[in-house]
Structure formats: structure tokens, C-alpha cells
């Protein structure tokens, strides 16, 4: 039985195929893409992440992940890169139905980690969503 999220991706793929002028009339190709996406995706880590995360955990630090991705996708991606056990908390768009830079997502992660904003360091790659959102919450 397909979930609402699965159906979303099939419809999304149908639209992409139409934009590429590929006839997805049977939806078979769109379904194939939706179900096989993670097998063929080329997800890679930043060069230092693979070594740094275990070192930080080894020092007793708590590590969280806040992402605008969806839980299902993030779980698959973490497994693909071998980081499924690296985070003490993972906050996705569907956790709170909110996205960065909304302060609720940062405060939710801090609450789950049982730490104050002044005890946390946030590392991100986007000024608007990561830096400004974290700064609004008092994160370094």
C-alpha cells in the first residue's frame, strides 16, 4: 500500500518526465524512479565528516542533525553513507512540519539533546537557513 509520500514522489516524477517530454502515461517509469532512487543516488560526505563525527562522539559530545529533508529520505541517506548511528537526534521537516530557519526546529533539537543554546555549536552550509536560524536561537 503506497503512502501519501510515495504518491507525492510518483506525481513529482511524472511532472519531471513530462517536462523532459518523456511520456509517463502508464506511470510505470515514475514509480520505478521513486522506488529505486536511493539505489542509484550518489550521496557523498564532506571529506572530514566520516572521521570527525566518531571523534566527537568519542569525546562524549552530543551530535544532532537538523535538515530540511524528509525523515524517510534522510534515514536512507544516512544508511547509504554509514552514518545511521552517528546522531543523538535527527530533526527533519516532517518532525515538526517546520523548516530551518524557524526557531522551533533548533529549540526542539536542543531540548532532545538536553543542552542549552550556549552549550551548542551549529555547523551549516547556508547563511539564510542555517546561520541566521541558529543565531536567532543563541547558538554559536
N, C-alpha and C. Protein backbone atom coordinates (compact mmCIF):
# COMPACT_ATOMS: atom_id res chain seq x y z
N UNK A 1 0.84 -1.19 0.00
CA UNK A 1 0.00 0.00 0.00
C UNK A 1 0.88 1.24 0.00
N UNK A 2 0.69 2.10 -0.94
CA UNK A 2 1.50 3.31 -1.08
C UNK A 2 1.11 4.34 -0.03
N UNK A 3 2.13 5.04 0.48
CA UNK A 3 1.87 6.13 1.42
C UNK A 3 1.66 7.42 0.64
N UNK A 4 1.19 8.42 1.34
CA UNK A 4 0.99 9.72 0.72
C UNK A 4 2.32 10.25 0.18
N UNK A 5 3.41 10.03 0.94
CA UNK A 5 4.72 10.47 0.49
C UNK A 5 5.14 9.74 -0.78
N UNK A 6 4.92 8.43 -0.84
CA UNK A 6 5.24 7.67 -2.05
C UNK A 6 4.49 8.23 -3.25
N UNK A 7 3.21 8.51 -3.07
CA UNK A 7 2.40 9.06 -4.15
C UNK A 7 2.90 10.44 -4.57
N UNK A 8 3.33 11.24 -3.60
CA UNK A 8 3.90 12.56 -3.91
C UNK A 8 5.07 12.40 -4.87
N UNK A 9 6.00 11.47 -4.56
CA UNK A 9 7.18 11.29 -5.40
C UNK A 9 6.82 10.76 -6.78
N UNK A 10 5.83 9.90 -6.87
CA UNK A 10 5.39 9.42 -8.19
C UNK A 10 4.85 10.59 -9.00
N UNK A 11 4.01 11.40 -8.40
CA UNK A 11 3.46 12.56 -9.12
C UNK A 11 4.57 13.55 -9.49
N UNK A 12 5.51 13.75 -8.59
CA UNK A 12 6.65 14.65 -8.85
C UNK A 12 7.42 14.14 -10.07
N UNK A 13 7.70 12.83 -10.08
CA UNK A 13 8.45 12.24 -11.19
C UNK A 13 7.67 12.32 -12.50
N UNK A 14 6.35 12.14 -12.44
CA UNK A 14 5.53 12.28 -13.64
C UNK A 14 5.70 13.69 -14.21
N UNK A 15 5.68 14.69 -13.34
CA UNK A 15 5.83 16.07 -13.81
C UNK A 15 7.21 16.30 -14.43
N UNK A 16 8.25 15.77 -13.79
CA UNK A 16 9.60 15.91 -14.35
C UNK A 16 9.68 15.23 -15.72
N UNK A 17 9.14 14.02 -15.82
CA UNK A 17 9.16 13.31 -17.10
C UNK A 17 8.40 14.08 -18.18
N UNK A 18 7.27 14.68 -17.81
CA UNK A 18 6.53 15.49 -18.78
C UNK A 18 7.36 16.69 -19.22
N UNK A 19 8.03 17.34 -18.26
CA UNK A 19 8.87 18.49 -18.60
C UNK A 19 10.01 18.10 -19.52
N UNK A 20 10.46 16.86 -19.42
CA UNK A 20 11.51 16.34 -20.29
C UNK A 20 10.95 15.77 -21.59
N UNK A 21 9.64 15.90 -21.74
CA UNK A 21 8.92 15.39 -22.92
C UNK A 21 9.04 13.87 -23.06
N UNK A 22 9.04 13.21 -21.91
CA UNK A 22 9.02 11.74 -21.87
C UNK A 22 7.61 11.35 -21.46
N UNK A 23 6.96 10.49 -22.21
CA UNK A 23 5.57 10.13 -21.96
C UNK A 23 5.46 9.16 -20.78
N UNK A 24 5.02 9.64 -19.63
CA UNK A 24 4.86 8.76 -18.48
C UNK A 24 3.42 8.28 -18.32
N UNK A 25 2.72 8.06 -19.42
CA UNK A 25 1.29 7.80 -19.36
C UNK A 25 0.92 6.62 -18.47
N UNK A 26 1.76 5.61 -18.40
CA UNK A 26 1.42 4.47 -17.55
C UNK A 26 1.89 4.66 -16.11
N UNK A 27 2.67 5.69 -15.86
CA UNK A 27 3.25 5.98 -14.55
C UNK A 27 4.27 4.92 -14.10
N UNK A 28 4.48 3.92 -14.96
CA UNK A 28 5.41 2.85 -14.60
C UNK A 28 6.82 3.38 -14.38
N UNK A 29 7.31 4.23 -15.27
CA UNK A 29 8.65 4.79 -15.14
C UNK A 29 8.73 5.68 -13.91
N UNK A 30 7.69 6.49 -13.67
CA UNK A 30 7.67 7.37 -12.49
C UNK A 30 7.73 6.56 -11.20
N UNK A 31 7.02 5.45 -11.15
CA UNK A 31 7.05 4.58 -9.96
C UNK A 31 8.43 3.94 -9.80
N UNK A 32 9.02 3.50 -10.92
CA UNK A 32 10.35 2.89 -10.87
C UNK A 32 11.36 3.88 -10.29
N UNK A 33 11.31 5.11 -10.77
CA UNK A 33 12.25 6.13 -10.28
C UNK A 33 12.05 6.34 -8.78
N UNK A 34 10.80 6.44 -8.34
CA UNK A 34 10.51 6.68 -6.92
C UNK A 34 11.01 5.54 -6.04
N UNK A 35 10.89 4.31 -6.50
CA UNK A 35 11.28 3.17 -5.67
C UNK A 35 12.76 2.81 -5.77
N UNK A 36 13.44 3.31 -6.79
CA UNK A 36 14.86 2.96 -6.97
C UNK A 36 15.81 4.13 -6.79
N UNK A 37 15.29 5.28 -6.41
CA UNK A 37 16.09 6.49 -6.31
C UNK A 37 17.35 6.29 -5.47
N UNK A 38 17.22 5.75 -4.29
CA UNK A 38 18.37 5.66 -3.37
C UNK A 38 19.39 4.61 -3.80
N UNK A 39 18.99 3.68 -4.61
CA UNK A 39 19.95 2.68 -5.11
C UNK A 39 20.96 3.35 -6.04
N UNK A 40 20.49 4.31 -6.83
CA UNK A 40 21.33 4.93 -7.84
C UNK A 40 21.87 6.30 -7.47
N UNK A 41 21.43 6.85 -6.36
CA UNK A 41 21.87 8.20 -5.98
C UNK A 41 23.34 8.18 -5.57
N UNK A 42 23.99 9.28 -5.78
CA UNK A 42 25.41 9.43 -5.48
C UNK A 42 25.59 10.35 -4.27
N UNK A 43 25.13 9.91 -3.13
CA UNK A 43 25.26 10.70 -1.91
C UNK A 43 26.69 10.54 -1.39
N UNK A 44 27.33 11.65 -1.11
CA UNK A 44 28.69 11.60 -0.57
C UNK A 44 28.81 12.51 0.65
N UNK A 45 29.80 12.25 1.46
CA UNK A 45 30.07 13.05 2.66
C UNK A 45 31.10 14.12 2.35
N UNK A 46 31.07 15.18 3.16
CA UNK A 46 32.20 16.10 3.15
C UNK A 46 33.41 15.28 3.58
N UNK A 47 34.59 15.57 3.05
CA UNK A 47 35.76 14.73 3.31
C UNK A 47 36.06 14.44 4.78
N UNK A 48 35.88 15.41 5.67
CA UNK A 48 36.24 15.20 7.07
C UNK A 48 35.14 14.58 7.92
N UNK A 49 33.91 14.53 7.42
CA UNK A 49 32.78 14.08 8.23
C UNK A 49 32.93 12.65 8.73
N UNK A 50 33.39 11.78 7.87
CA UNK A 50 33.49 10.36 8.23
C UNK A 50 34.40 10.14 9.43
N UNK A 51 35.48 10.92 9.53
CA UNK A 51 36.40 10.78 10.65
C UNK A 51 36.02 11.66 11.83
N UNK A 52 35.49 12.83 11.56
CA UNK A 52 35.21 13.79 12.62
C UNK A 52 34.07 13.36 13.53
N UNK A 53 32.98 12.88 12.97
CA UNK A 53 31.82 12.53 13.79
C UNK A 53 32.14 11.48 14.85
N UNK A 54 32.82 10.39 14.52
CA UNK A 54 33.18 9.42 15.57
C UNK A 54 34.12 10.01 16.62
N UNK A 55 35.01 10.91 16.21
CA UNK A 55 35.91 11.56 17.18
C UNK A 55 35.13 12.40 18.17
N UNK A 56 34.17 13.16 17.67
CA UNK A 56 33.35 13.99 18.55
C UNK A 56 32.53 13.14 19.51
N UNK A 57 31.92 12.09 19.00
CA UNK A 57 31.16 11.18 19.87
C UNK A 57 32.06 10.52 20.88
N UNK A 58 33.28 10.18 20.47
CA UNK A 58 34.25 9.56 21.38
C UNK A 58 34.64 10.46 22.53
N UNK A 59 34.49 11.75 22.33
CA UNK A 59 34.78 12.73 23.40
C UNK A 59 33.55 13.00 24.27
N UNK A 60 32.48 12.26 24.01
CA UNK A 60 31.28 12.41 24.81
C UNK A 60 30.36 13.54 24.40
N UNK A 61 30.61 14.12 23.24
CA UNK A 61 29.75 15.21 22.77
C UNK A 61 28.47 14.65 22.15
N UNK A 62 27.39 15.39 22.33
CA UNK A 62 26.13 15.03 21.71
C UNK A 62 26.09 15.66 20.33
N UNK A 63 25.56 14.92 19.38
CA UNK A 63 25.54 15.40 18.00
C UNK A 63 24.12 15.30 17.45
N UNK A 64 23.65 16.40 16.87
CA UNK A 64 22.33 16.42 16.27
C UNK A 64 22.41 16.79 14.81
N UNK A 65 21.39 16.44 14.10
CA UNK A 65 21.26 16.78 12.69
C UNK A 65 19.92 17.47 12.49
N UNK A 66 19.96 18.67 11.95
CA UNK A 66 18.74 19.39 11.58
C UNK A 66 18.78 19.58 10.08
N UNK A 67 17.75 19.09 9.40
CA UNK A 67 17.75 19.12 7.94
C UNK A 67 16.37 19.46 7.40
N UNK A 68 16.35 20.03 6.23
CA UNK A 68 15.09 20.32 5.56
C UNK A 68 14.60 19.12 4.77
N UNK A 69 15.30 18.01 4.87
CA UNK A 69 14.88 16.79 4.20
C UNK A 69 13.76 16.08 4.94
N UNK A 70 13.21 15.06 4.33
CA UNK A 70 12.16 14.25 4.92
C UNK A 70 12.77 13.05 5.64
N UNK A 71 12.15 12.60 6.72
CA UNK A 71 12.68 11.52 7.56
C UNK A 71 13.05 10.28 6.75
N UNK A 72 12.15 9.82 5.91
CA UNK A 72 12.43 8.62 5.11
C UNK A 72 13.69 8.79 4.26
N UNK A 73 13.79 9.94 3.60
CA UNK A 73 14.95 10.19 2.74
C UNK A 73 16.23 10.30 3.55
N UNK A 74 16.17 11.00 4.67
CA UNK A 74 17.37 11.18 5.49
C UNK A 74 17.81 9.83 6.07
N UNK A 75 16.87 9.02 6.52
CA UNK A 75 17.24 7.69 7.03
C UNK A 75 17.96 6.88 5.97
N UNK A 76 17.44 6.90 4.75
CA UNK A 76 18.08 6.16 3.64
C UNK A 76 19.46 6.72 3.33
N UNK A 77 19.57 8.05 3.33
CA UNK A 77 20.85 8.68 3.03
C UNK A 77 21.88 8.35 4.11
N UNK A 78 21.48 8.41 5.37
CA UNK A 78 22.42 8.11 6.46
C UNK A 78 22.91 6.66 6.38
N UNK A 79 22.02 5.76 6.05
CA UNK A 79 22.42 4.35 5.87
C UNK A 79 23.40 4.23 4.71
N UNK A 80 23.10 4.91 3.61
CA UNK A 80 23.95 4.83 2.42
C UNK A 80 25.38 5.29 2.70
N UNK A 81 25.54 6.32 3.56
CA UNK A 81 26.88 6.83 3.85
C UNK A 81 27.44 6.28 5.17
N UNK A 82 26.71 5.37 5.81
CA UNK A 82 27.20 4.72 7.02
C UNK A 82 27.13 5.57 8.28
N UNK A 83 26.25 6.55 8.32
CA UNK A 83 26.14 7.43 9.49
C UNK A 83 24.84 7.24 10.26
N UNK A 84 24.16 6.12 10.07
CA UNK A 84 22.86 5.92 10.70
C UNK A 84 22.91 5.93 12.23
N UNK A 85 24.06 5.68 12.83
CA UNK A 85 24.18 5.67 14.29
C UNK A 85 24.99 6.84 14.83
N UNK A 86 25.19 7.86 14.01
CA UNK A 86 26.09 8.95 14.39
C UNK A 86 25.42 10.10 15.13
N UNK A 87 24.10 10.16 15.13
CA UNK A 87 23.42 11.33 15.68
C UNK A 87 22.54 10.95 16.87
N UNK A 88 22.57 11.80 17.89
CA UNK A 88 21.73 11.60 19.06
C UNK A 88 20.31 12.08 18.80
N UNK A 89 20.15 13.00 17.88
CA UNK A 89 18.83 13.46 17.46
C UNK A 89 18.89 13.84 15.99
N UNK A 90 17.83 13.53 15.27
CA UNK A 90 17.69 13.94 13.87
C UNK A 90 16.34 14.65 13.75
N UNK A 91 16.39 15.90 13.33
CA UNK A 91 15.18 16.70 13.15
C UNK A 91 15.01 16.95 11.66
N UNK A 92 13.91 16.47 11.11
CA UNK A 92 13.62 16.62 9.69
C UNK A 92 12.41 17.53 9.51
N UNK A 93 12.12 17.88 8.28
CA UNK A 93 10.98 18.73 8.00
C UNK A 93 9.69 18.15 8.55
N UNK A 94 9.53 16.83 8.47
CA UNK A 94 8.29 16.24 8.95
C UNK A 94 8.28 15.95 10.45
N UNK A 95 9.37 16.23 11.17
CA UNK A 95 9.36 16.07 12.62
C UNK A 95 8.37 17.06 13.24
N UNK A 96 8.51 18.32 12.87
CA UNK A 96 7.65 19.37 13.43
C UNK A 96 6.78 20.04 12.36
N UNK A 97 6.95 19.60 11.12
CA UNK A 97 6.29 20.25 9.98
C UNK A 97 6.72 21.70 9.86
N UNK A 98 7.99 21.92 10.18
CA UNK A 98 8.60 23.24 10.08
C UNK A 98 10.00 23.04 9.52
N UNK A 99 10.56 24.14 8.98
CA UNK A 99 11.89 24.07 8.38
C UNK A 99 12.78 25.16 8.96
N UNK A 100 14.09 24.93 8.84
CA UNK A 100 15.02 26.00 9.17
C UNK A 100 14.71 27.17 8.25
N UNK A 101 14.76 28.37 8.67
CA UNK A 101 15.36 28.93 9.88
C UNK A 101 14.39 29.11 11.05
N UNK A 102 13.22 28.47 11.02
CA UNK A 102 12.28 28.64 12.12
C UNK A 102 12.92 28.15 13.42
N UNK A 103 12.80 28.97 14.45
CA UNK A 103 13.49 28.70 15.71
C UNK A 103 13.02 27.40 16.37
N UNK A 104 11.79 27.01 16.13
CA UNK A 104 11.26 25.80 16.78
C UNK A 104 12.11 24.56 16.48
N UNK A 105 12.63 24.46 15.26
CA UNK A 105 13.41 23.27 14.93
C UNK A 105 14.72 23.22 15.70
N UNK A 106 15.35 24.36 15.90
CA UNK A 106 16.60 24.41 16.66
C UNK A 106 16.33 24.13 18.14
N UNK A 107 15.28 24.75 18.69
CA UNK A 107 14.96 24.55 20.10
C UNK A 107 14.52 23.11 20.37
N UNK A 108 13.85 22.49 19.42
CA UNK A 108 13.45 21.09 19.56
C UNK A 108 14.69 20.19 19.67
N UNK A 109 15.65 20.42 18.80
CA UNK A 109 16.89 19.61 18.84
C UNK A 109 17.61 19.82 20.16
N UNK A 110 17.71 21.06 20.61
CA UNK A 110 18.38 21.35 21.89
C UNK A 110 17.67 20.65 23.05
N UNK A 111 16.34 20.68 23.03
CA UNK A 111 15.57 20.03 24.10
C UNK A 111 15.83 18.52 24.10
N UNK A 112 15.83 17.91 22.93
CA UNK A 112 16.08 16.47 22.83
C UNK A 112 17.50 16.11 23.30
N UNK A 113 18.45 17.00 23.02
CA UNK A 113 19.83 16.78 23.44
C UNK A 113 20.06 17.15 24.91
N UNK A 114 19.08 17.84 25.50
CA UNK A 114 19.15 18.29 26.89
C UNK A 114 20.34 19.21 27.12
N UNK A 115 20.46 20.19 26.21
CA UNK A 115 21.52 21.19 26.34
C UNK A 115 20.95 22.58 26.07
N UNK A 116 21.64 23.58 26.60
CA UNK A 116 21.25 24.97 26.39
C UNK A 116 21.89 25.50 25.11
N UNK A 117 21.30 26.53 24.51
CA UNK A 117 21.89 27.11 23.29
C UNK A 117 23.35 27.52 23.50
N UNK A 118 23.68 28.01 24.67
CA UNK A 118 25.06 28.45 24.93
C UNK A 118 26.06 27.29 24.98
N UNK A 119 25.56 26.06 25.07
CA UNK A 119 26.43 24.89 25.11
C UNK A 119 26.60 24.24 23.73
N UNK A 120 25.95 24.82 22.74
CA UNK A 120 25.90 24.18 21.42
C UNK A 120 26.66 24.98 20.38
N UNK A 121 27.16 24.24 19.41
CA UNK A 121 27.76 24.83 18.21
C UNK A 121 26.98 24.27 17.03
N UNK A 122 26.57 25.15 16.13
CA UNK A 122 25.83 24.71 14.95
C UNK A 122 26.71 24.88 13.72
N UNK A 123 26.79 23.85 12.92
CA UNK A 123 27.56 23.90 11.68
C UNK A 123 26.58 23.71 10.53
N UNK A 124 26.61 24.62 9.59
CA UNK A 124 25.70 24.53 8.45
C UNK A 124 26.38 25.01 7.19
N UNK A 125 25.64 24.96 6.09
CA UNK A 125 26.23 25.37 4.82
C UNK A 125 25.40 26.42 4.09
N UNK A 126 24.40 26.99 4.77
CA UNK A 126 23.59 28.04 4.14
C UNK A 126 23.41 29.19 5.11
N UNK A 127 23.72 30.40 4.66
CA UNK A 127 23.63 31.59 5.51
C UNK A 127 22.20 31.81 5.99
N UNK A 128 21.23 31.84 5.08
CA UNK A 128 19.86 32.19 5.44
C UNK A 128 19.21 31.18 6.38
N UNK A 129 19.30 29.92 6.07
CA UNK A 129 18.59 28.92 6.88
C UNK A 129 19.40 28.45 8.08
N UNK A 130 20.66 28.19 7.89
CA UNK A 130 21.48 27.62 8.96
C UNK A 130 22.02 28.69 9.91
N UNK A 131 22.81 29.60 9.39
CA UNK A 131 23.47 30.60 10.22
C UNK A 131 22.46 31.50 10.91
N UNK A 132 21.56 32.09 10.13
CA UNK A 132 20.61 33.05 10.73
C UNK A 132 19.63 32.36 11.67
N UNK A 133 19.18 31.16 11.32
CA UNK A 133 18.28 30.42 12.20
C UNK A 133 18.94 30.06 13.51
N UNK A 134 20.16 29.56 13.46
CA UNK A 134 20.89 29.19 14.67
C UNK A 134 21.19 30.42 15.52
N UNK A 135 21.57 31.50 14.88
CA UNK A 135 21.91 32.73 15.60
C UNK A 135 20.70 33.27 16.37
N UNK A 136 19.50 33.20 15.74
CA UNK A 136 18.29 33.66 16.41
C UNK A 136 18.02 32.88 17.69
N UNK A 137 18.53 31.66 17.77
CA UNK A 137 18.30 30.81 18.94
C UNK A 137 19.42 30.90 19.96
N UNK A 138 20.43 31.70 19.68
CA UNK A 138 21.55 31.85 20.62
C UNK A 138 22.64 30.81 20.45
N UNK A 139 22.64 30.12 19.32
CA UNK A 139 23.69 29.13 19.03
C UNK A 139 24.91 29.80 18.42
N UNK A 140 26.07 29.30 18.75
CA UNK A 140 27.31 29.77 18.13
C UNK A 140 27.42 29.13 16.77
